[in-house]
Amino acid sequence: MSIIATALTLVSMLMPRYPVQSVDSTSYCQSGITASGQQTRVGIVAGNLWPLGTELKILDGPHSGQTVQVLDRIGWGSQLDFFTWSCREAWNYGRRQVLVEVLG
């Protein structure tokens, strides 16, 4: 193996496979059909940073420990939008920075 190939192999082994990201999040309560064609439900998030179908693990905040799936898109104002049935809960959530791990 060449020195360059060895170096690239080592770099790829040291870099995390799925990065952890800090994102600006909000919550929404508008029920309907998502961009993926599915009905809104808890566990679905809207986001424009990842392809539809991407699974994210939430690492902190009120949704810490949950695995959610990006099945909708956001018009503007946030990077990640959690669905909830309660509009009061969505309002109280406000805007928060949360850490997410991209699972794939």
PDB file of N, CA and C in Angstrom:
ATOM      1  N   MET A   1       0.848  -1.167   0.000  1.00  0.00           N
ATOM      2  CA  MET A   1       0.000   0.000   0.000  1.00  0.00           C
ATOM      3  C   MET A   1       0.898   1.236   0.000  1.00  0.00           C
ATOM      4  N   SER A   2       0.503   2.241  -0.772  1.00  0.00           N
ATOM      5  CA  SER A   2       1.305   3.457  -0.840  1.00  0.00           C
ATOM      6  C   SER A   2       1.135   4.278   0.432  1.00  0.00           C
ATOM      7  N   ILE A   3       2.023   5.226   0.611  1.00  0.00           N
ATOM      8  CA  ILE A   3       1.952   6.114   1.778  1.00  0.00           C
ATOM      9  C   ILE A   3       0.660   6.914   1.762  1.00  0.00           C
ATOM     10  N   ILE A   4       0.243   7.387   0.603  1.00  0.00           N
ATOM     11  CA  ILE A   4      -1.001   8.175   0.496  1.00  0.00           C
ATOM     12  C   ILE A   4      -2.207   7.308   0.852  1.00  0.00           C
ATOM     13  N   ALA A   5      -2.265   6.095   0.316  1.00  0.00           N
ATOM     14  CA  ALA A   5      -3.382   5.201   0.629  1.00  0.00           C
ATOM     15  C   ALA A   5      -3.427   4.882   2.114  1.00  0.00           C
ATOM     16  N   THR A   6      -2.267   4.652   2.727  1.00  0.00           N
ATOM     17  CA  THR A   6      -2.198   4.379   4.166  1.00  0.00           C
ATOM     18  C   THR A   6      -2.681   5.583   4.958  1.00  0.00           C
ATOM     19  N   ALA A   7      -2.254   6.774   4.558  1.00  0.00           N
ATOM     20  CA  ALA A   7      -2.672   8.001   5.255  1.00  0.00           C
ATOM     21  C   ALA A   7      -4.181   8.187   5.141  1.00  0.00           C
ATOM     22  N   LEU A   8      -4.755   7.979   3.961  1.00  0.00           N
ATOM     23  CA  LEU A   8      -6.204   8.133   3.773  1.00  0.00           C
ATOM     24  C   LEU A   8      -6.980   7.113   4.605  1.00  0.00           C
ATOM     25  N   THR A   9      -6.467   5.897   4.692  1.00  0.00           N
ATOM     26  CA  THR A   9      -7.102   4.866   5.510  1.00  0.00           C
ATOM     27  C   THR A   9      -7.099   5.274   6.980  1.00  0.00           C
ATOM     28  N   LEU A  10      -5.983   5.772   7.478  1.00  0.00           N
ATOM     29  CA  LEU A  10      -5.897   6.211   8.873  1.00  0.00           C
ATOM     30  C   LEU A  10      -6.825   7.377   9.158  1.00  0.00           C
ATOM     31  N   VAL A  11      -6.877   8.333   8.248  1.00  0.00           N
ATOM     32  CA  VAL A  11      -7.761   9.488   8.436  1.00  0.00           C
ATOM     33  C   VAL A  11      -9.211   9.037   8.487  1.00  0.00           C
ATOM     34  N   SER A  12      -9.618   8.151   7.583  1.00  0.00           N
ATOM     35  CA  SER A  12     -11.007   7.690   7.572  1.00  0.00           C
ATOM     36  C   SER A  12     -11.348   6.903   8.832  1.00  0.00           C
ATOM     37  N   MET A  13     -10.372   6.215   9.416  1.00  0.00           N
ATOM     38  CA  MET A  13     -10.613   5.474  10.653  1.00  0.00           C
ATOM     39  C   MET A  13     -10.755   6.406  11.849  1.00  0.00           C
ATOM     40  N   LEU A  14     -10.060   7.538  11.824  1.00  0.00           N
ATOM     41  CA  LEU A  14     -10.094   8.468  12.948  1.00  0.00           C
ATOM     42  C   LEU A  14     -11.298   9.398  12.923  1.00  0.00           C
ATOM     43  N   MET A  15     -11.846   9.665  11.752  1.00  0.00           N
ATOM     44  CA  MET A  15     -12.983  10.574  11.641  1.00  0.00           C
ATOM     45  C   MET A  15     -14.258   9.846  12.045  1.00  0.00           C
ATOM     46  N   PRO A  16     -15.172  10.529  12.742  1.00  0.00           N
ATOM     47  CA  PRO A  16     -16.428   9.877  13.099  1.00  0.00           C
ATOM     48  C   PRO A  16     -17.241   9.571  11.845  1.00  0.00           C
ATOM     49  N   ARG A  17     -17.867   8.413  11.836  1.00  0.00           N
ATOM     50  CA  ARG A  17     -18.648   8.017  10.666  1.00  0.00           C
ATOM     51  C   ARG A  17     -19.880   8.888  10.508  1.00  0.00           C
ATOM     52  N   TYR A  18     -20.560   9.161  11.593  1.00  0.00           N
ATOM     53  CA  TYR A  18     -21.755   9.987  11.562  1.00  0.00           C
ATOM     54  C   TYR A  18     -21.559  11.145  12.533  1.00  0.00           C
ATOM     55  N   PRO A  19     -21.450  12.323  12.011  1.00  0.00           N
ATOM     56  CA  PRO A  19     -21.123  13.464  12.871  1.00  0.00           C
ATOM     57  C   PRO A  19     -22.258  13.854  13.811  1.00  0.00           C
ATOM     58  N   VAL A  20     -21.859  14.448  14.911  1.00  0.00           N
ATOM     59  CA  VAL A  20     -22.804  15.060  15.841  1.00  0.00           C
ATOM     60  C   VAL A  20     -22.879  16.529  15.471  1.00  0.00           C
ATOM     61  N   GLN A  21     -24.089  17.039  15.372  1.00  0.00           N
ATOM     62  CA  GLN A  21     -24.295  18.423  14.973  1.00  0.00           C
ATOM     63  C   GLN A  21     -25.153  19.143  16.001  1.00  0.00           C
ATOM     64  N   SER A  22     -24.869  20.414  16.227  1.00  0.00           N
ATOM     65  CA  SER A  22     -25.724  21.282  17.027  1.00  0.00           C
ATOM     66  C   SER A  22     -26.623  22.031  16.056  1.00  0.00           C
ATOM     67  N   VAL A  23     -27.930  21.906  16.243  1.00  0.00           N
ATOM     68  CA  VAL A  23     -28.873  22.543  15.320  1.00  0.00           C
ATOM     69  C   VAL A  23     -29.907  23.359  16.090  1.00  0.00           C
ATOM     70  N   ASP A  24     -30.442  24.353  15.414  1.00  0.00           N
ATOM     71  CA  ASP A  24     -31.514  25.206  15.930  1.00  0.00           C
ATOM     72  C   ASP A  24     -32.830  24.455  15.733  1.00  0.00           C
ATOM     73  N   SER A  25     -33.599  24.256  16.812  1.00  0.00           N
ATOM     74  CA  SER A  25     -34.828  23.472  16.693  1.00  0.00           C
ATOM     75  C   SER A  25     -36.045  24.228  17.200  1.00  0.00           C
ATOM     76  N   THR A  26     -37.186  23.850  16.654  1.00  0.00           N
ATOM     77  CA  THR A  26     -38.492  24.353  17.066  1.00  0.00           C
ATOM     78  C   THR A  26     -39.442  23.166  17.095  1.00  0.00           C
ATOM     79  N   SER A  27     -40.715  23.427  17.360  1.00  0.00           N
ATOM     80  CA  SER A  27     -41.719  22.374  17.372  1.00  0.00           C
ATOM     81  C   SER A  27     -42.957  22.874  16.647  1.00  0.00           C
ATOM     82  N   TYR A  28     -43.681  21.974  16.000  1.00  0.00           N
ATOM     83  CA  TYR A  28     -44.902  22.375  15.289  1.00  0.00           C
ATOM     84  C   TYR A  28     -46.040  21.413  15.596  1.00  0.00           C
ATOM     85  N   CYS A  29     -47.270  21.881  15.378  1.00  0.00           N
ATOM     86  CA  CYS A  29     -48.439  21.062  15.700  1.00  0.00           C
ATOM     87  C   CYS A  29     -49.418  20.956  14.532  1.00  0.00           C
ATOM     88  N   GLN A  30     -49.022  21.413  13.361  1.00  0.00           N
ATOM     89  CA  GLN A  30     -49.904  21.371  12.203  1.00  0.00           C
ATOM     90  C   GLN A  30     -49.968  19.951  11.663  1.00  0.00           C
ATOM     91  N   SER A  31     -51.127  19.317  11.774  1.00  0.00           N
ATOM     92  CA  SER A  31     -51.243  17.948  11.272  1.00  0.00           C
ATOM     93  C   SER A  31     -51.532  17.989   9.773  1.00  0.00           C
ATOM     94  N   GLY A  32     -51.206  16.899   9.116  1.00  0.00           N
ATOM     95  CA  GLY A  32     -51.414  16.812   7.676  1.00  0.00           C
ATOM     96  C   GLY A  32     -50.486  15.796   7.067  1.00  0.00           C
ATOM     97  N   ILE A  33     -50.247  15.946   5.782  1.00  0.00           N
ATOM     98  CA  ILE A  33     -49.388  15.033   5.045  1.00  0.00           C
ATOM     99  C   ILE A  33     -48.007  15.671   4.896  1.00  0.00           C
ATOM    100  N   THR A  34     -46.974  14.905   5.198  1.00  0.00           N
ATOM    101  CA  THR A  34     -45.598  15.405   5.132  1.00  0.00           C
ATOM    102  C   THR A  34     -45.084  15.390   3.694  1.00  0.00           C
ATOM    103  N   ALA A  35     -43.899  15.960   3.501  1.00  0.00           N
ATOM    104  CA  ALA A  35     -43.259  15.971   2.183  1.00  0.00           C
ATOM    105  C   ALA A  35     -42.990  14.562   1.675  1.00  0.00           C
ATOM    106  N   SER A  36     -42.887  13.599   2.595  1.00  0.00           N
ATOM    107  CA  SER A  36     -42.643  12.209   2.202  1.00  0.00           C
ATOM    108  C   SER A  36     -43.936  11.463   1.881  1.00  0.00           C
ATOM    109  N   GLY A  37     -45.084  12.133   2.074  1.00  0.00           N
ATOM    110  CA  GLY A  37     -46.374  11.509   1.786  1.00  0.00           C
ATOM    111  C   GLY A  37     -47.014  10.818   2.966  1.00  0.00           C
ATOM    112  N   GLN A  38     -46.390  10.885   4.142  1.00  0.00           N
ATOM    113  CA  GLN A  38     -46.937  10.240   5.337  1.00  0.00           C
ATOM    114  C   GLN A  38     -47.698  11.238   6.196  1.00  0.00           C
ATOM    115  N   GLN A  39     -48.609  10.736   6.996  1.00  0.00           N
ATOM    116  CA  GLN A  39     -49.350  11.556   7.953  1.00  0.00           C
ATOM    117  C   GLN A  39     -48.400  11.999   9.072  1.00  0.00           C
ATOM    118  N   THR A  40     -48.546  13.235   9.515  1.00  0.00           N
ATOM    119  CA  THR A  40     -47.720  13.695  10.634  1.00  0.00           C
ATOM    120  C   THR A  40     -48.012  12.857  11.871  1.00  0.00           C
ATOM    121  N   ARG A  41     -46.974  12.628  12.663  1.00  0.00           N
ATOM    122  CA  ARG A  41     -47.097  11.883  13.913  1.00  0.00           C
ATOM    123  C   ARG A  41     -45.857  12.170  14.755  1.00  0.00           C
ATOM    124  N   VAL A  42     -45.943  11.874  16.034  1.00  0.00           N
ATOM    125  CA  VAL A  42     -44.794  12.028  16.915  1.00  0.00           C
ATOM    126  C   VAL A  42     -43.695  11.083  16.424  1.00  0.00           C
ATOM    127  N   GLY A  43     -42.467  11.573  16.384  1.00  0.00           N
ATOM    128  CA  GLY A  43     -41.343  10.799  15.873  1.00  0.00           C
ATOM    129  C   GLY A  43     -40.911  11.247  14.489  1.00  0.00           C
ATOM    130  N   ILE A  44     -41.761  12.081  13.876  1.00  0.00           N
ATOM    131  CA  ILE A  44     -41.427  12.680  12.590  1.00  0.00           C
ATOM    132  C   ILE A  44     -40.882  14.070  12.846  1.00  0.00           C
ATOM    133  N   VAL A  45     -39.823  14.419  12.138  1.00  0.00           N
ATOM    134  CA  VAL A  45     -39.305  15.781  12.211  1.00  0.00           C
ATOM    135  C   VAL A  45     -39.218  16.354  10.804  1.00  0.00           C
ATOM    136  N   ALA A  46     -39.238  17.674  10.754  1.00  0.00           N
ATOM    137  CA  ALA A  46     -39.023  18.384   9.502  1.00  0.00           C
ATOM    138  C   ALA A  46     -37.620  18.961   9.539  1.00  0.00           C
ATOM    139  N   GLY A  47     -36.933  18.894   8.423  1.00  0.00           N
ATOM    140  CA  GLY A  47     -35.591  19.449   8.346  1.00  0.00           C
ATOM    141  C   GLY A  47     -35.129  19.535   6.906  1.00  0.00           C
ATOM    142  N   ASN A  48     -34.290  20.521   6.630  1.00  0.00           N
ATOM    143  CA  ASN A  48     -33.769  20.706   5.274  1.00  0.00           C
ATOM    144  C   ASN A  48     -32.301  20.335   5.148  1.00  0.00           C
ATOM    145  N   LEU A  49     -31.652  19.971   6.257  1.00  0.00           N
ATOM    146  CA  LEU A  49     -30.215  19.667   6.234  1.00  0.00           C
ATOM    147  C   LEU A  49     -29.898  18.252   5.778  1.00  0.00           C
ATOM    148  N   TRP A  50     -30.895  17.365   5.831  1.00  0.00           N
ATOM    149  CA  TRP A  50     -30.675  15.952   5.557  1.00  0.00           C
ATOM    150  C   TRP A  50     -31.682  15.444   4.526  1.00  0.00           C
ATOM    151  N   PRO A  51     -31.349  14.376   3.824  1.00  0.00           N
ATOM    152  CA  PRO A  51     -32.320  13.789   2.884  1.00  0.00           C
ATOM    153  C   PRO A  51     -33.534  13.229   3.630  1.00  0.00           C
ATOM    154  N   LEU A  52     -34.690  13.222   2.967  1.00  0.00           N
ATOM    155  CA  LEU A  52     -35.871  12.593   3.560  1.00  0.00           C
ATOM    156  C   LEU A  52     -35.557  11.147   3.877  1.00  0.00           C
ATOM    157  N   GLY A  53     -36.019  10.691   5.030  1.00  0.00           N
ATOM    158  CA  GLY A  53     -35.772   9.315   5.466  1.00  0.00           C
ATOM    159  C   GLY A  53     -34.600   9.171   6.418  1.00  0.00           C
ATOM    160  N   THR A  54     -33.791  10.231   6.570  1.00  0.00           N
ATOM    161  CA  THR A  54     -32.633  10.179   7.457  1.00  0.00           C
ATOM    162  C   THR A  54     -33.082  10.000   8.905  1.00  0.00           C
ATOM    163  N   GLU A  55     -32.425   9.112   9.632  1.00  0.00           N
ATOM    164  CA  GLU A  55     -32.706   8.924  11.051  1.00  0.00           C
ATOM    165  C   GLU A  55     -31.705   9.722  11.871  1.00  0.00           C
ATOM    166  N   LEU A  56     -32.218  10.408  12.890  1.00  0.00           N
ATOM    167  CA  LEU A  56     -31.401  11.217  13.787  1.00  0.00           C
ATOM    168  C   LEU A  56     -31.628  10.761  15.209  1.00  0.00           C
ATOM    169  N   LYS A  57     -30.570  10.702  15.991  1.00  0.00           N
ATOM    170  CA  LYS A  57     -30.703  10.448  17.430  1.00  0.00           C
ATOM    171  C   LYS A  57     -30.535  11.788  18.124  1.00  0.00           C
ATOM    172  N   ILE A  58     -31.498  12.135  18.968  1.00  0.00           N
ATOM    173  CA  ILE A  58     -31.463  13.397  19.692  1.00  0.00           C
ATOM    174  C   ILE A  58     -30.668  13.163  20.974  1.00  0.00           C
ATOM    175  N   LEU A  59     -29.630  13.975  21.172  1.00  0.00           N
ATOM    176  CA  LEU A  59     -28.695  13.736  22.275  1.00  0.00           C
ATOM    177  C   LEU A  59     -28.932  14.609  23.495  1.00  0.00           C
ATOM    178  N   ASP A  60     -29.740  15.667  23.373  1.00  0.00           N
ATOM    179  CA  ASP A  60     -30.052  16.490  24.545  1.00  0.00           C
ATOM    180  C   ASP A  60     -31.384  17.198  24.354  1.00  0.00           C
ATOM    181  N   GLY A  61     -31.792  17.951  25.366  1.00  0.00           N
ATOM    182  CA  GLY A  61     -33.075  18.655  25.304  1.00  0.00           C
ATOM    183  C   GLY A  61     -34.236  17.746  25.673  1.00  0.00           C
ATOM    184  N   PRO A  62     -35.465  18.236  25.506  1.00  0.00           N
ATOM    185  CA  PRO A  62     -36.659  17.477  25.905  1.00  0.00           C
ATOM    186  C   PRO A  62     -36.834  16.152  25.148  1.00  0.00           C
ATOM    187  N   HIS A  63     -36.259  16.041  23.962  1.00  0.00           N
ATOM    188  CA  HIS A  63     -36.401  14.826  23.163  1.00  0.00           C
ATOM    189  C   HIS A  63     -35.172  13.919  23.264  1.00  0.00           C
ATOM    190  N   SER A  64     -34.331  14.173  24.256  1.00  0.00           N
ATOM    191  CA  SER A  64     -33.084  13.426  24.431  1.00  0.00           C
ATOM    192  C   SER A  64     -33.341  11.924  24.468  1.00  0.00           C
ATOM    193  N   GLY A  65     -32.528  11.186  23.719  1.00  0.00           N
ATOM    194  CA  GLY A  65     -32.647   9.731  23.687  1.00  0.00           C
ATOM    195  C   GLY A  65     -33.561   9.213  22.599  1.00  0.00           C
ATOM    196  N   GLN A  66     -34.365  10.077  21.999  1.00  0.00           N
ATOM    197  CA  GLN A  66     -35.288   9.644  20.955  1.00  0.00           C
ATOM    198  C   GLN A  66     -34.563   9.515  19.617  1.00  0.00           C
ATOM    199  N   THR A  67     -34.997   8.552  18.829  1.00  0.00           N
ATOM    200  CA  THR A  67     -34.584   8.454  17.441  1.00  0.00           C
ATOM    201  C   THR A  67     -35.768   8.898  16.606  1.00  0.00           C
ATOM    202  N   VAL A  68     -35.532   9.873  15.742  1.00  0.00           N
ATOM    203  CA  VAL A  68     -36.598  10.439  14.909  1.00  0.00           C
ATOM    204  C   VAL A  68     -36.198  10.299  13.449  1.00  0.00           C
ATOM    205  N   GLN A  69     -37.174  10.500  12.577  1.00  0.00           N
ATOM    206  CA  GLN A  69     -36.907  10.380  11.146  1.00  0.00           C
ATOM    207  C   GLN A  69     -37.324  11.661  10.441  1.00  0.00           C
ATOM    208  N   VAL A  70     -36.452  12.151   9.555  1.00  0.00           N
ATOM    209  CA  VAL A  70     -36.746  13.349   8.760  1.00  0.00           C
ATOM    210  C   VAL A  70     -37.685  12.941   7.629  1.00  0.00           C
ATOM    211  N   LEU A  71     -38.957  13.342   7.749  1.00  0.00           N
ATOM    212  CA  LEU A  71     -39.952  12.993   6.734  1.00  0.00           C
ATOM    213  C   LEU A  71     -40.694  14.213   6.218  1.00  0.00           C
ATOM    214  N   ASP A  72     -40.260  15.399   6.631  1.00  0.00           N
ATOM    215  CA  ASP A  72     -40.923  16.622   6.193  1.00  0.00           C
ATOM    216  C   ASP A  72     -39.879  17.708   5.978  1.00  0.00           C
ATOM    217  N   ARG A  73     -40.268  18.768   5.348  1.00  0.00           N
ATOM    218  CA  ARG A  73     -39.391  19.910   5.081  1.00  0.00           C
ATOM    219  C   ARG A  73     -39.883  21.128   5.854  1.00  0.00           C
ATOM    220  N   ILE A  74     -38.960  22.068   6.076  1.00  0.00           N
ATOM    221  CA  ILE A  74     -39.261  23.306   6.798  1.00  0.00           C
ATOM    222  C   ILE A  74     -39.276  24.444   5.795  1.00  0.00           C
ATOM    223  N   GLY A  75     -40.262  25.324   5.930  1.00  0.00           N
ATOM    224  CA  GLY A  75     -40.305  26.493   5.061  1.00  0.00           C
ATOM    225  C   GLY A  75     -39.180  27.468   5.377  1.00  0.00           C
ATOM    226  N   TRP A  76     -39.038  27.839   6.643  1.00  0.00           N
ATOM    227  CA  TRP A  76     -37.986  28.771   7.066  1.00  0.00           C
ATOM    228  C   TRP A  76     -37.957  28.844   8.579  1.00  0.00           C
ATOM    229  N   GLY A  77     -36.889  29.395   9.134  1.00  0.00           N
ATOM    230  CA  GLY A  77     -36.853  29.735  10.554  1.00  0.00           C
ATOM    231  C   GLY A  77     -36.193  28.759  11.503  1.00  0.00           C
ATOM    232  N   SER A  78     -35.911  27.543  11.068  1.00  0.00           N
ATOM    233  CA  SER A  78     -35.348  26.544  11.966  1.00  0.00           C
ATOM    234  C   SER A  78     -34.619  25.503  11.130  1.00  0.00           C
ATOM    235  N   GLN A  79     -33.765  24.727  11.772  1.00  0.00           N
ATOM    236  CA  GLN A  79     -33.077  23.641  11.075  1.00  0.00           C
ATOM    237  C   GLN A  79     -33.741  22.295  11.340  1.00  0.00           C
ATOM    238  N   LEU A  80     -34.460  22.190  12.458  1.00  0.00           N
ATOM    239  CA  LEU A  80     -35.102  20.936  12.854  1.00  0.00           C
ATOM    240  C   LEU A  80     -36.399  21.278  13.554  1.00  0.00           C
ATOM    241  N   ASP A  81     -37.490  20.659  13.134  1.00  0.00           N
ATOM    242  CA  ASP A  81     -38.815  20.966  13.657  1.00  0.00           C
ATOM    243  C   ASP A  81     -39.474  19.670  14.116  1.00  0.00           C
ATOM    244  N   PHE A  82     -39.728  19.544  15.421  1.00  0.00           N
ATOM    245  CA  PHE A  82     -40.339  18.340  15.998  1.00  0.00           C
ATOM    246  C   PHE A  82     -41.861  18.441  15.921  1.00  0.00           C
ATOM    247  N   PHE A  83     -42.523  17.376  15.476  1.00  0.00           N
ATOM    248  CA  PHE A  83     -43.991  17.374  15.475  1.00  0.00           C
ATOM    249  C   PHE A  83     -44.512  17.016  16.857  1.00  0.00           C
ATOM    250  N   THR A  84     -45.566  17.700  17.286  1.00  0.00           N
ATOM    251  CA  THR A  84     -46.295  17.368  18.507  1.00  0.00           C
ATOM    252  C   THR A  84     -47.780  17.588  18.251  1.00  0.00           C
ATOM    253  N   TRP A  85     -48.627  16.827  18.932  1.00  0.00           N
ATOM    254  CA  TRP A  85     -50.075  17.009  18.772  1.00  0.00           C
ATOM    255  C   TRP A  85     -50.554  18.265  19.482  1.00  0.00           C
ATOM    256  N   SER A  86     -49.849  18.705  20.502  1.00  0.00           N
ATOM    257  CA  SER A  86     -50.285  19.837  21.321  1.00  0.00           C
ATOM    258  C   SER A  86     -49.656  21.149  20.836  1.00  0.00           C
ATOM    259  N   CYS A  87     -50.515  22.077  20.409  1.00  0.00           N
ATOM    260  CA  CYS A  87     -50.000  23.389  19.982  1.00  0.00           C
ATOM    261  C   CYS A  87     -49.435  24.158  21.179  1.00  0.00           C
ATOM    262  N   ARG A  88     -49.991  23.955  22.359  1.00  0.00           N
ATOM    263  CA  ARG A  88     -49.443  24.595  23.557  1.00  0.00           C
ATOM    264  C   ARG A  88     -48.022  24.094  23.827  1.00  0.00           C
ATOM    265  N   GLU A  89     -47.832  22.785  23.680  1.00  0.00           N
ATOM    266  CA  GLU A  89     -46.499  22.206  23.862  1.00  0.00           C
ATOM    267  C   GLU A  89     -45.522  22.750  22.817  1.00  0.00           C
ATOM    268  N   ALA A  90     -45.990  22.868  21.579  1.00  0.00           N
ATOM    269  CA  ALA A  90     -45.138  23.418  20.517  1.00  0.00           C
ATOM    270  C   ALA A  90     -44.748  24.861  20.838  1.00  0.00           C
ATOM    271  N   TRP A  91     -45.709  25.653  21.296  1.00  0.00           N
ATOM    272  CA  TRP A  91     -45.450  27.056  21.653  1.00  0.00           C
ATOM    273  C   TRP A  91     -44.454  27.140  22.812  1.00  0.00           C
ATOM    274  N   ASN A  92     -44.663  26.302  23.836  1.00  0.00           N
ATOM    275  CA  ASN A  92     -43.783  26.317  25.007  1.00  0.00           C
ATOM    276  C   ASN A  92     -42.365  25.820  24.696  1.00  0.00           C
ATOM    277  N   TYR A  93     -42.238  24.988  23.675  1.00  0.00           N
ATOM    278  CA  TYR A  93     -40.919  24.490  23.280  1.00  0.00           C
ATOM    279  C   TYR A  93     -40.022  25.654  22.858  1.00  0.00           C
ATOM    280  N   GLY A  94     -40.595  26.596  22.156  1.00  0.00           N
ATOM    281  CA  GLY A  94     -39.826  27.771  21.727  1.00  0.00           C
ATOM    282  C   GLY A  94     -38.760  27.401  20.714  1.00  0.00           C
ATOM    283  N   ARG A  95     -37.580  27.963  20.893  1.00  0.00           N
ATOM    284  CA  ARG A  95     -36.434  27.707  20.013  1.00  0.00           C
ATOM    285  C   ARG A  95     -35.283  27.236  20.888  1.00  0.00           C
ATOM    286  N   ARG A  96     -34.679  26.107  20.536  1.00  0.00           N
ATOM    287  CA  ARG A  96     -33.596  25.524  21.343  1.00  0.00           C
ATOM    288  C   ARG A  96     -32.495  24.978  20.450  1.00  0.00           C
ATOM    289  N   GLN A  97     -31.299  25.033  20.944  1.00  0.00           N
ATOM    290  CA  GLN A  97     -30.182  24.345  20.296  1.00  0.00           C
ATOM    291  C   GLN A  97     -30.155  22.919  20.844  1.00  0.00           C
ATOM    292  N   VAL A  98     -30.125  21.942  19.942  1.00  0.00           N
ATOM    293  CA  VAL A  98     -30.032  20.549  20.365  1.00  0.00           C
ATOM    294  C   VAL A  98     -28.900  19.862  19.595  1.00  0.00           C
ATOM    295  N   LEU A  99     -28.348  18.838  20.212  1.00  0.00           N
ATOM    296  CA  LEU A  99     -27.328  18.024  19.552  1.00  0.00           C
ATOM    297  C   LEU A  99     -28.008  16.817  18.927  1.00  0.00           C
ATOM    298  N   VAL A 100     -27.670  16.551  17.670  1.00  0.00           N
ATOM    299  CA  VAL A 100     -28.216  15.380  16.990  1.00  0.00           C
ATOM    300  C   VAL A 100     -27.065  14.568  16.400  1.00  0.00           C
ATOM    301  N   GLU A 101     -27.258  13.279  16.377  1.00  0.00           N
ATOM    302  CA  GLU A 101     -26.315  12.376  15.709  1.00  0.00           C
ATOM    303  C   GLU A 101     -27.019  11.801  14.499  1.00  0.00           C
ATOM    304  N   VAL A 102     -26.408  11.905  13.339  1.00  0.00           N
ATOM    305  CA  VAL A 102     -26.982  11.359  12.116  1.00  0.00           C
ATOM    306  C   VAL A 102     -26.715   9.855  12.094  1.00  0.00           C
ATOM    307  N   LEU A 103     -27.793   9.074  12.100  1.00  0.00           N
ATOM    308  CA  LEU A 103     -27.654   7.621  12.098  1.00  0.00           C
ATOM    309  C   LEU A 103     -27.663   7.056  10.689  1.00  0.00           C
ATOM    310  N   GLY A 104     -28.252   7.775   9.791  1.00  0.00           N
ATOM    311  CA  GLY A 104     -28.280   7.325   8.395  1.00  0.00           C
ATOM    312  C   GLY A 104     -29.633   7.456   7.783  1.00  0.00           C
TER     313      GLY A 104
END
